[in-house]
Amino acid sequence: MSSNLPVPRTGVPIGIDDPVVKARTELKAALAAIEDKANVPRRISRATDESVAKARTFVRQNPALGIASVVAAAALVGGAVWGLVRLYTR
């Protein structure tokens, strides 16, 4: 009973009978999992893309709250920079 569902890069398809092919497939999947786990820039990029998509969806659904959020964030960053500069110049 095999299905035609796609197998992720880090998965091993069911039904491989040849032990050599199975071992190679498992090794390939394990290396892909290690690469996914250890590749920090790629993980940061994916997280950033997901956050941007969520923010865009939020702004499309609530434009006024989106603008207010941007203004609040800018004020927070501006206040933090002003405070740091003030501490530095004293």
Protein backbone atom coordinates (compact mmCIF):
# COMPACT_ATOMS: atom_id res chain seq x y z
CA MET A 1 0.00 0.00 0.00
CA SER A 2 2.01 2.99 -1.20
CA SER A 3 0.72 6.51 -1.44
CA ASN A 4 1.73 9.21 -3.85
CA LEU A 5 2.23 11.79 -1.11
CA PRO A 6 5.46 13.76 -1.39
CA VAL A 7 8.15 12.86 1.12
CA PRO A 8 10.00 15.75 2.81
CA ARG A 9 13.76 16.09 2.34
CA THR A 10 14.30 14.85 5.87
CA GLY A 11 12.01 11.83 5.52
CA VAL A 12 12.48 8.31 4.20
CA PRO A 13 9.85 6.79 1.93
CA ILE A 14 8.17 3.61 3.12
CA GLY A 15 8.57 0.44 1.09
CA ILE A 16 12.27 0.43 0.22
CA ASP A 17 13.32 -3.24 0.19
CA ASP A 18 16.96 -3.00 -0.89
CA PRO A 19 19.09 -2.47 2.26
CA VAL A 20 21.74 -0.47 0.39
CA VAL A 21 19.19 1.91 -1.14
CA LYS A 22 17.45 2.20 2.23
CA ALA A 23 20.74 3.01 4.02
CA ARG A 24 21.63 5.65 1.40
CA THR A 25 18.17 7.18 1.64
CA GLU A 26 18.35 7.29 5.46
CA LEU A 27 21.81 8.86 5.32
CA LYS A 28 20.62 11.45 2.82
CA ALA A 29 17.64 12.27 5.04
CA ALA A 30 19.84 12.51 8.15
CA LEU A 31 22.29 14.85 6.40
CA ALA A 32 19.40 17.02 5.19
CA ALA A 33 18.04 17.19 8.75
CA ILE A 34 21.46 18.20 10.10
CA GLU A 35 21.79 20.85 7.39
CA ASP A 36 18.34 22.24 8.20
CA LYS A 37 19.13 22.33 11.91
CA ALA A 38 22.63 23.80 11.58
CA ASN A 39 21.97 26.37 8.84
CA VAL A 40 21.23 29.36 11.07
CA PRO A 41 21.09 31.98 8.28
CA ARG A 42 18.47 29.94 6.44
CA ARG A 43 16.45 29.48 9.63
CA ILE A 44 16.61 33.23 10.34
CA SER A 45 15.56 33.94 6.76
CA ARG A 46 12.57 31.60 7.04
CA ALA A 47 11.52 33.13 10.38
CA THR A 48 11.84 36.63 8.93
CA ASP A 49 9.77 35.71 5.88
CA GLU A 50 7.06 34.22 8.11
CA SER A 51 7.03 37.32 10.33
CA VAL A 52 6.78 39.64 7.34
CA ALA A 53 3.91 37.59 5.91
CA LYS A 54 2.07 37.72 9.27
CA ALA A 55 2.63 41.48 9.51
CA ARG A 56 1.34 42.05 5.98
CA THR A 57 -1.76 39.98 6.72
CA PHE A 58 -2.34 41.94 9.93
CA VAL A 59 -1.99 45.29 8.12
CA ARG A 60 -4.37 44.17 5.34
CA GLN A 61 -7.00 43.17 7.91
CA ASN A 62 -6.47 46.16 10.26
CA PRO A 63 -4.88 49.10 8.42
CA ALA A 64 -5.37 51.61 11.27
CA LEU A 65 -3.84 49.28 13.86
CA GLY A 66 -1.00 48.52 11.45
CA ILE A 67 -0.16 52.20 11.10
CA ALA A 68 -0.45 52.71 14.87
CA SER A 69 1.90 49.75 15.42
CA VAL A 70 4.50 51.20 13.06
CA VAL A 71 4.30 54.60 14.74
CA ALA A 72 4.60 53.03 18.20
CA ALA A 73 7.58 50.92 17.13
CA ALA A 74 9.30 53.97 15.59
CA ALA A 75 8.69 55.97 18.77
CA LEU A 76 10.08 53.14 20.89
CA VAL A 77 13.23 52.82 18.78
CA GLY A 78 13.65 56.60 18.64
CA GLY A 79 13.26 56.87 22.41
CA ALA A 80 15.79 54.09 22.96
CA VAL A 81 18.33 55.72 20.64
CA TRP A 82 17.75 59.12 22.27
CA GLY A 83 18.25 57.61 25.72
CA LEU A 84 21.46 55.85 24.72
CA VAL A 85 22.88 59.00 23.13
CA ARG A 86 21.93 61.03 26.20
CA LEU A 87 23.67 58.52 28.48
CA TYR A 88 26.74 58.52 26.25
CA THR A 89 27.06 62.29 26.12
CA ARG A 90 26.80 62.77 29.91
